[in-house]
N, C-alpha and C. Protein backbone atom coordinates (compact mmCIF):
# COMPACT_ATOMS: atom_id res chain seq x y z
N MET A 1 35.01 -7.36 -23.28
CA MET A 1 34.07 -7.83 -22.29
C MET A 1 32.72 -7.12 -22.45
N PRO A 2 31.64 -7.90 -22.43
CA PRO A 2 30.32 -7.26 -22.57
C PRO A 2 29.94 -6.53 -21.29
N GLN A 3 29.24 -5.44 -21.48
CA GLN A 3 28.76 -4.66 -20.35
C GLN A 3 27.51 -5.33 -19.78
N SER A 4 27.46 -5.49 -18.47
CA SER A 4 26.27 -6.05 -17.85
C SER A 4 25.30 -4.93 -17.52
N ASP A 5 24.03 -5.25 -17.56
CA ASP A 5 23.01 -4.26 -17.24
C ASP A 5 23.08 -3.94 -15.75
N PRO A 6 22.81 -2.68 -15.40
CA PRO A 6 22.80 -2.35 -13.97
C PRO A 6 21.65 -3.06 -13.27
N LYS A 7 21.85 -3.33 -12.00
CA LYS A 7 20.84 -4.02 -11.21
C LYS A 7 19.61 -3.12 -11.08
N PRO A 8 18.40 -3.65 -11.36
CA PRO A 8 17.21 -2.81 -11.27
C PRO A 8 16.94 -2.41 -9.81
N VAL A 9 16.37 -1.23 -9.66
CA VAL A 9 16.05 -0.73 -8.32
C VAL A 9 14.81 -1.45 -7.83
N ARG A 10 14.90 -1.98 -6.63
CA ARG A 10 13.76 -2.69 -6.06
C ARG A 10 12.95 -1.73 -5.21
N ARG A 11 11.69 -1.61 -5.52
CA ARG A 11 10.81 -0.68 -4.83
C ARG A 11 9.80 -1.44 -4.00
N GLY A 12 9.21 -0.75 -3.05
CA GLY A 12 8.17 -1.33 -2.24
C GLY A 12 6.82 -1.23 -2.92
N VAL A 13 5.84 -1.85 -2.33
CA VAL A 13 4.51 -1.87 -2.92
C VAL A 13 3.91 -0.48 -2.95
N LEU A 14 4.06 0.27 -1.86
CA LEU A 14 3.46 1.60 -1.81
C LEU A 14 4.14 2.56 -2.78
N SER A 15 5.45 2.45 -2.95
CA SER A 15 6.11 3.32 -3.91
C SER A 15 5.72 2.96 -5.34
N GLU A 16 5.53 1.69 -5.61
CA GLU A 16 5.06 1.28 -6.94
C GLU A 16 3.64 1.80 -7.19
N LEU A 17 2.80 1.76 -6.17
CA LEU A 17 1.44 2.27 -6.31
C LEU A 17 1.45 3.77 -6.54
N GLY A 18 2.31 4.49 -5.82
CA GLY A 18 2.44 5.93 -6.02
C GLY A 18 2.95 6.26 -7.41
N TYR A 19 3.93 5.49 -7.89
CA TYR A 19 4.44 5.69 -9.26
C TYR A 19 3.34 5.46 -10.29
N PHE A 20 2.52 4.44 -10.05
CA PHE A 20 1.41 4.15 -10.96
C PHE A 20 0.44 5.32 -11.03
N PHE A 21 0.09 5.88 -9.84
CA PHE A 21 -0.84 7.01 -9.82
C PHE A 21 -0.25 8.23 -10.53
N LEU A 22 1.05 8.47 -10.34
CA LEU A 22 1.69 9.62 -10.99
C LEU A 22 1.83 9.42 -12.49
N LYS A 23 2.23 8.22 -12.89
CA LYS A 23 2.50 7.95 -14.31
C LYS A 23 1.23 7.97 -15.15
N TYR A 24 0.19 7.29 -14.68
CA TYR A 24 -1.02 7.14 -15.47
C TYR A 24 -2.13 8.10 -15.09
N LYS A 25 -1.87 8.96 -14.10
CA LYS A 25 -2.81 10.01 -13.68
C LYS A 25 -4.19 9.45 -13.34
N MET A 26 -4.21 8.40 -12.57
CA MET A 26 -5.47 7.79 -12.15
C MET A 26 -5.76 8.16 -10.69
N TRP A 27 -5.94 9.45 -10.46
CA TRP A 27 -6.14 9.94 -9.10
C TRP A 27 -7.47 9.48 -8.51
N TRP A 28 -8.42 9.09 -9.35
CA TRP A 28 -9.70 8.64 -8.84
C TRP A 28 -9.58 7.28 -8.13
N LEU A 29 -8.46 6.57 -8.32
CA LEU A 29 -8.25 5.30 -7.64
C LEU A 29 -7.68 5.46 -6.23
N VAL A 30 -7.21 6.65 -5.88
CA VAL A 30 -6.61 6.88 -4.56
C VAL A 30 -7.60 6.60 -3.43
N PRO A 31 -8.85 7.10 -3.47
CA PRO A 31 -9.77 6.77 -2.38
C PRO A 31 -10.03 5.28 -2.23
N ALA A 32 -10.11 4.56 -3.34
CA ALA A 32 -10.33 3.12 -3.27
C ALA A 32 -9.13 2.42 -2.64
N ALA A 33 -7.92 2.85 -2.97
CA ALA A 33 -6.71 2.27 -2.38
C ALA A 33 -6.64 2.57 -0.89
N LEU A 34 -7.04 3.77 -0.49
CA LEU A 34 -7.04 4.13 0.94
C LEU A 34 -8.06 3.31 1.72
N VAL A 35 -9.22 3.07 1.14
CA VAL A 35 -10.24 2.25 1.81
C VAL A 35 -9.73 0.81 1.97
N LEU A 36 -9.11 0.27 0.93
CA LEU A 36 -8.55 -1.08 1.03
C LEU A 36 -7.44 -1.16 2.07
N LEU A 37 -6.61 -0.13 2.13
CA LEU A 37 -5.56 -0.08 3.13
C LEU A 37 -6.14 -0.01 4.55
N LEU A 38 -7.18 0.79 4.73
CA LEU A 38 -7.83 0.89 6.04
C LEU A 38 -8.47 -0.44 6.44
N LEU A 39 -9.12 -1.10 5.50
CA LEU A 39 -9.71 -2.41 5.80
C LEU A 39 -8.65 -3.44 6.16
N GLY A 40 -7.53 -3.40 5.48
CA GLY A 40 -6.43 -4.30 5.81
C GLY A 40 -5.90 -4.06 7.21
N VAL A 41 -5.77 -2.79 7.58
CA VAL A 41 -5.30 -2.46 8.94
C VAL A 41 -6.31 -2.95 9.97
N LEU A 42 -7.59 -2.77 9.70
CA LEU A 42 -8.61 -3.24 10.64
C LEU A 42 -8.61 -4.76 10.78
N VAL A 43 -8.37 -5.47 9.70
CA VAL A 43 -8.31 -6.93 9.76
C VAL A 43 -7.10 -7.38 10.60
N VAL A 44 -5.98 -6.72 10.40
CA VAL A 44 -4.78 -7.08 11.17
C VAL A 44 -4.99 -6.78 12.64
N LEU A 45 -5.57 -5.61 12.94
CA LEU A 45 -5.82 -5.27 14.35
C LEU A 45 -6.88 -6.17 14.96
N GLY A 46 -7.84 -6.61 14.16
CA GLY A 46 -8.89 -7.50 14.67
C GLY A 46 -8.37 -8.86 15.06
N GLY A 47 -7.28 -9.29 14.46
CA GLY A 47 -6.71 -10.59 14.78
C GLY A 47 -5.67 -10.53 15.86
N SER A 48 -5.43 -9.35 16.42
CA SER A 48 -4.41 -9.22 17.45
C SER A 48 -5.03 -8.61 18.71
N HIS A 49 -4.19 -8.11 19.59
CA HIS A 49 -4.68 -7.50 20.81
C HIS A 49 -5.20 -6.09 20.57
N GLY A 50 -5.13 -5.61 19.34
CA GLY A 50 -5.66 -4.30 18.99
C GLY A 50 -7.16 -4.30 18.82
N VAL A 51 -7.80 -5.44 19.04
CA VAL A 51 -9.25 -5.54 18.89
C VAL A 51 -9.97 -4.62 19.86
N PHE A 52 -9.39 -4.35 21.01
CA PHE A 52 -10.02 -3.46 21.97
C PHE A 52 -10.05 -2.02 21.44
N LEU A 53 -9.07 -1.66 20.65
CA LEU A 53 -9.05 -0.34 20.03
C LEU A 53 -10.18 -0.21 19.03
N ILE A 54 -10.46 -1.25 18.28
CA ILE A 54 -11.54 -1.21 17.29
C ILE A 54 -12.87 -1.09 18.00
N TYR A 55 -13.09 -1.84 19.08
CA TYR A 55 -14.34 -1.75 19.81
C TYR A 55 -14.53 -0.37 20.41
N ALA A 56 -13.43 0.27 20.81
CA ALA A 56 -13.53 1.61 21.38
C ALA A 56 -13.93 2.64 20.32
N LEU A 57 -13.52 2.39 19.08
CA LEU A 57 -13.87 3.32 18.00
C LEU A 57 -15.34 3.27 17.64
N PHE A 58 -15.95 2.09 17.75
CA PHE A 58 -17.35 1.95 17.38
C PHE A 58 -18.21 1.80 18.60
């Protein structure tokens, strides 16, 4: 009987991004990724009831 390959480990997006930064040593991309993450959070909060929190910050 042939041996089947083990099932690959499924990772999340953030763990894949962290692996990428560790593997290829591109630490200069971390601030850009954090800014994009912050903008995404602000967009999500802007479309919900969290909009009052954003107005309070500015």
